[in-house]
């Protein structure tokens, strides 16, 4: 346990950020799972909706600083490529 007041405050704020980041990461993983399952099912309409939702969740995670921009771009590209392959 920290003895200095500012260090105690940093511990509190760090914990609250950790909890918030965990919630965002959970949303990202859930959206990824839904998109992956929809792509596996092979129905283009539901897969399209799921991939768009996944992209939206990724963009929000980037905006909050939970994941890096290029990571989100890479994940969205892979999901969109899988969707295009399904639609073809």
N, C-alpha and C. Protein backbone atom coordinates (compact mmCIF):
# COMPACT_ATOMS: atom_id res chain seq x y z
N UNK A 1 0.84 -1.18 0.00
CA UNK A 1 0.00 0.00 0.00
C UNK A 1 0.88 1.24 0.00
N UNK A 2 0.54 2.19 -0.83
CA UNK A 2 1.33 3.41 -0.95
C UNK A 2 1.12 4.30 0.27
N UNK A 3 2.19 4.99 0.66
CA UNK A 3 2.11 5.90 1.80
C UNK A 3 1.88 7.34 1.38
N UNK A 4 2.30 7.69 0.19
CA UNK A 4 2.19 9.06 -0.29
C UNK A 4 0.80 9.28 -0.87
N UNK A 5 0.24 10.45 -0.55
CA UNK A 5 -1.13 10.76 -0.93
C UNK A 5 -1.35 10.67 -2.45
N UNK A 6 -0.43 11.21 -3.22
CA UNK A 6 -0.59 11.19 -4.68
C UNK A 6 -0.50 9.76 -5.21
N UNK A 7 0.33 8.93 -4.57
CA UNK A 7 0.44 7.53 -5.00
C UNK A 7 -0.84 6.76 -4.68
N UNK A 8 -1.46 7.10 -3.56
CA UNK A 8 -2.74 6.47 -3.20
C UNK A 8 -3.81 6.83 -4.22
N UNK A 9 -3.82 8.12 -4.62
CA UNK A 9 -4.78 8.56 -5.62
C UNK A 9 -4.52 7.87 -6.96
N UNK A 10 -3.25 7.72 -7.34
CA UNK A 10 -2.93 7.03 -8.58
C UNK A 10 -3.42 5.58 -8.55
N UNK A 11 -3.30 4.94 -7.40
CA UNK A 11 -3.78 3.56 -7.27
C UNK A 11 -5.29 3.49 -7.46
N UNK A 12 -6.01 4.45 -6.85
CA UNK A 12 -7.47 4.46 -7.00
C UNK A 12 -7.87 4.71 -8.44
N UNK A 13 -7.26 5.70 -9.08
CA UNK A 13 -7.63 6.02 -10.46
C UNK A 13 -7.22 4.90 -11.42
N UNK A 14 -6.08 4.28 -11.12
CA UNK A 14 -5.63 3.17 -11.95
C UNK A 14 -6.61 2.00 -11.89
N UNK A 15 -7.12 1.73 -10.71
CA UNK A 15 -8.08 0.64 -10.54
C UNK A 15 -9.38 0.94 -11.28
N UNK A 16 -9.85 2.19 -11.19
CA UNK A 16 -11.10 2.52 -11.88
C UNK A 16 -10.92 2.45 -13.40
N UNK A 17 -9.75 2.87 -13.90
CA UNK A 17 -9.47 2.74 -15.33
C UNK A 17 -9.41 1.28 -15.75
N UNK A 18 -8.80 0.45 -14.91
CA UNK A 18 -8.68 -0.97 -15.22
C UNK A 18 -10.06 -1.60 -15.36
N UNK A 19 -10.96 -1.27 -14.45
CA UNK A 19 -12.32 -1.82 -14.49
C UNK A 19 -13.05 -1.34 -15.75
N UNK A 20 -12.91 -0.06 -16.07
CA UNK A 20 -13.55 0.47 -17.27
C UNK A 20 -13.01 -0.16 -18.54
N UNK A 21 -11.69 -0.31 -18.60
CA UNK A 21 -11.06 -0.93 -19.77
C UNK A 21 -11.50 -2.37 -19.92
N UNK A 22 -11.64 -3.06 -18.80
CA UNK A 22 -12.08 -4.46 -18.84
C UNK A 22 -13.49 -4.56 -19.43
N UNK A 23 -14.36 -3.62 -19.06
CA UNK A 23 -15.72 -3.62 -19.59
C UNK A 23 -15.71 -3.42 -21.10
N UNK A 24 -14.88 -2.49 -21.58
CA UNK A 24 -14.80 -2.23 -23.02
C UNK A 24 -14.25 -3.45 -23.75
N UNK A 25 -13.20 -4.05 -23.19
CA UNK A 25 -12.61 -5.24 -23.82
C UNK A 25 -13.60 -6.38 -23.87
N UNK A 26 -14.43 -6.51 -22.85
CA UNK A 26 -15.46 -7.55 -22.84
C UNK A 26 -16.46 -7.31 -23.97
N UNK A 27 -16.85 -6.03 -24.18
CA UNK A 27 -17.76 -5.71 -25.27
C UNK A 27 -17.14 -6.04 -26.62
N UNK A 28 -15.86 -5.76 -26.76
CA UNK A 28 -15.15 -6.05 -28.02
C UNK A 28 -15.15 -7.56 -28.27
N UNK A 29 -14.83 -8.33 -27.24
CA UNK A 29 -14.77 -9.78 -27.39
C UNK A 29 -16.14 -10.36 -27.72
N UNK A 30 -17.19 -9.83 -27.08
CA UNK A 30 -18.55 -10.32 -27.35
C UNK A 30 -18.95 -10.02 -28.80
N UNK A 31 -18.64 -8.81 -29.26
CA UNK A 31 -18.97 -8.45 -30.64
C UNK A 31 -18.18 -9.29 -31.62
N UNK A 32 -16.92 -9.58 -31.29
CA UNK A 32 -16.09 -10.42 -32.15
C UNK A 32 -16.68 -11.82 -32.24
N UNK A 33 -17.10 -12.35 -31.10
CA UNK A 33 -17.67 -13.70 -31.07
C UNK A 33 -18.94 -13.76 -31.91
N UNK A 34 -19.81 -12.75 -31.78
CA UNK A 34 -21.05 -12.73 -32.56
C UNK A 34 -20.76 -12.64 -34.05
N UNK A 35 -19.79 -11.81 -34.42
CA UNK A 35 -19.44 -11.67 -35.84
C UNK A 35 -18.86 -12.97 -36.38
N UNK A 36 -18.00 -13.59 -35.60
CA UNK A 36 -17.38 -14.85 -36.03
C UNK A 36 -18.43 -15.95 -36.21
N UNK A 37 -19.36 -16.03 -35.26
CA UNK A 37 -20.42 -17.05 -35.36
C UNK A 37 -21.33 -16.79 -36.55
N UNK A 38 -21.64 -15.51 -36.80
CA UNK A 38 -22.49 -15.17 -37.94
C UNK A 38 -21.79 -15.49 -39.25
N UNK A 39 -20.49 -15.24 -39.31
CA UNK A 39 -19.74 -15.57 -40.53
C UNK A 39 -19.68 -17.07 -40.73
N UNK A 40 -19.52 -17.80 -39.64
CA UNK A 40 -19.47 -19.27 -39.73
C UNK A 40 -20.81 -19.84 -40.18
N UNK A 41 -21.91 -19.22 -39.74
CA UNK A 41 -23.24 -19.71 -40.10
C UNK A 41 -23.48 -19.58 -41.60
N UNK A 42 -22.84 -18.60 -42.22
CA UNK A 42 -22.93 -18.48 -43.68
C UNK A 42 -24.08 -17.65 -44.19
N UNK A 43 -24.77 -16.93 -43.33
CA UNK A 43 -25.87 -16.06 -43.75
C UNK A 43 -25.31 -14.64 -43.89
N UNK A 44 -25.28 -14.14 -45.12
CA UNK A 44 -24.60 -12.88 -45.41
C UNK A 44 -25.25 -11.69 -44.71
N UNK A 45 -26.58 -11.68 -44.62
CA UNK A 45 -27.27 -10.53 -44.02
C UNK A 45 -26.94 -10.38 -42.54
N UNK A 46 -27.08 -11.47 -41.79
CA UNK A 46 -26.79 -11.39 -40.36
C UNK A 46 -25.30 -11.18 -40.11
N UNK A 47 -24.47 -11.74 -40.97
CA UNK A 47 -23.03 -11.55 -40.83
C UNK A 47 -22.67 -10.09 -41.08
N UNK A 48 -23.31 -9.48 -42.05
CA UNK A 48 -23.06 -8.06 -42.33
C UNK A 48 -23.40 -7.17 -41.16
N UNK A 49 -24.54 -7.45 -40.55
CA UNK A 49 -24.95 -6.67 -39.37
C UNK A 49 -23.97 -6.88 -38.23
N UNK A 50 -23.56 -8.11 -38.01
CA UNK A 50 -22.64 -8.42 -36.91
C UNK A 50 -21.27 -7.79 -37.14
N UNK A 51 -20.80 -7.80 -38.37
CA UNK A 51 -19.49 -7.21 -38.68
C UNK A 51 -19.54 -5.69 -38.51
N UNK A 52 -20.64 -5.07 -38.92
CA UNK A 52 -20.78 -3.62 -38.73
C UNK A 52 -20.80 -3.27 -37.24
N UNK A 53 -21.50 -4.07 -36.45
CA UNK A 53 -21.54 -3.84 -35.00
C UNK A 53 -20.14 -4.01 -34.41
N UNK A 54 -19.42 -5.02 -34.85
CA UNK A 54 -18.05 -5.26 -34.39
C UNK A 54 -17.15 -4.06 -34.72
N UNK A 55 -17.29 -3.53 -35.93
CA UNK A 55 -16.50 -2.36 -36.33
C UNK A 55 -16.82 -1.16 -35.45
N UNK A 56 -18.08 -0.98 -35.15
CA UNK A 56 -18.49 0.14 -34.30
C UNK A 56 -17.91 0.01 -32.90
N UNK A 57 -17.96 -1.19 -32.34
CA UNK A 57 -17.43 -1.41 -31.00
C UNK A 57 -15.92 -1.18 -30.99
N UNK A 58 -15.23 -1.62 -32.04
CA UNK A 58 -13.79 -1.40 -32.13
C UNK A 58 -13.46 0.09 -32.18
N UNK A 59 -14.23 0.85 -32.97
CA UNK A 59 -13.99 2.29 -33.07
C UNK A 59 -14.19 2.98 -31.72
N UNK A 60 -15.20 2.55 -30.99
CA UNK A 60 -15.44 3.13 -29.66
C UNK A 60 -14.31 2.78 -28.69
N UNK A 61 -13.77 1.58 -28.81
CA UNK A 61 -12.65 1.19 -27.95
C UNK A 61 -11.41 2.03 -28.27
N UNK A 62 -11.20 2.33 -29.55
CA UNK A 62 -10.08 3.18 -29.94
C UNK A 62 -10.28 4.59 -29.39
N UNK A 63 -11.50 5.08 -29.49
CA UNK A 63 -11.80 6.43 -29.01
C UNK A 63 -11.52 6.56 -27.51
N UNK A 64 -11.78 5.50 -26.77
CA UNK A 64 -11.52 5.51 -25.33
C UNK A 64 -10.07 5.19 -24.98
N UNK A 65 -9.28 4.79 -25.98
CA UNK A 65 -7.87 4.51 -25.75
C UNK A 65 -7.60 3.13 -25.18
N UNK A 66 -8.55 2.22 -25.34
CA UNK A 66 -8.39 0.87 -24.79
C UNK A 66 -7.54 0.01 -25.72
N UNK A 67 -7.76 0.15 -27.03
CA UNK A 67 -6.92 -0.56 -28.00
C UNK A 67 -6.35 0.46 -28.97
N UNK A 68 -5.27 0.08 -29.63
CA UNK A 68 -4.61 1.01 -30.55
C UNK A 68 -5.34 1.04 -31.89
N UNK A 69 -5.15 2.17 -32.57
CA UNK A 69 -5.85 2.41 -33.83
C UNK A 69 -5.54 1.35 -34.88
N UNK A 70 -4.26 1.02 -35.05
CA UNK A 70 -3.90 0.06 -36.09
C UNK A 70 -4.41 -1.34 -35.77
N UNK A 71 -4.50 -1.67 -34.50
CA UNK A 71 -5.06 -2.97 -34.10
C UNK A 71 -6.52 -3.05 -34.53
N UNK A 72 -7.26 -1.97 -34.29
CA UNK A 72 -8.67 -1.95 -34.69
C UNK A 72 -8.80 -2.02 -36.21
N UNK A 73 -7.94 -1.29 -36.91
CA UNK A 73 -7.99 -1.31 -38.37
C UNK A 73 -7.73 -2.72 -38.89
N UNK A 74 -6.74 -3.40 -38.32
CA UNK A 74 -6.41 -4.76 -38.75
C UNK A 74 -7.58 -5.71 -38.50
N UNK A 75 -8.18 -5.62 -37.31
CA UNK A 75 -9.29 -6.51 -36.98
C UNK A 75 -10.50 -6.26 -37.87
N UNK A 76 -10.79 -4.97 -38.14
CA UNK A 76 -11.91 -4.65 -39.02
C UNK A 76 -11.66 -5.15 -40.44
N UNK A 77 -10.42 -5.03 -40.90
CA UNK A 77 -10.08 -5.49 -42.25
C UNK A 77 -10.27 -6.99 -42.37
N UNK A 78 -9.84 -7.72 -41.36
CA UNK A 78 -9.99 -9.18 -41.40
C UNK A 78 -11.46 -9.58 -41.40
N UNK A 79 -12.26 -8.90 -40.58
CA UNK A 79 -13.69 -9.22 -40.54
C UNK A 79 -14.36 -8.88 -41.87
N UNK A 80 -14.00 -7.73 -42.44
CA UNK A 80 -14.59 -7.33 -43.72
C UNK A 80 -14.15 -8.25 -44.86
N UNK A 81 -12.91 -8.70 -44.82
CA UNK A 81 -12.45 -9.65 -45.84
C UNK A 81 -13.21 -10.96 -45.76
N UNK A 82 -13.45 -11.43 -44.55
CA UNK A 82 -14.23 -12.66 -44.37
C UNK A 82 -15.66 -12.47 -44.86
N UNK A 83 -16.22 -11.28 -44.61
CA UNK A 83 -17.58 -10.99 -45.07
C UNK A 83 -17.63 -10.95 -46.60
N UNK A 84 -16.65 -10.30 -47.22
CA UNK A 84 -16.61 -10.25 -48.69
C UNK A 84 -16.48 -11.64 -49.29
N UNK A 85 -15.68 -12.46 -48.65
CA UNK A 85 -15.49 -13.84 -49.13
C UNK A 85 -16.81 -14.61 -49.03
N UNK A 86 -17.57 -14.37 -47.97
CA UNK A 86 -18.86 -15.03 -47.78
C UNK A 86 -19.86 -14.57 -48.83
N UNK A 87 -19.86 -13.27 -49.11
CA UNK A 87 -20.82 -12.72 -50.07
C UNK A 87 -20.50 -13.13 -51.51
N UNK A 88 -19.26 -13.44 -51.78
CA UNK A 88 -18.85 -13.79 -53.16
C UNK A 88 -19.31 -15.18 -53.56
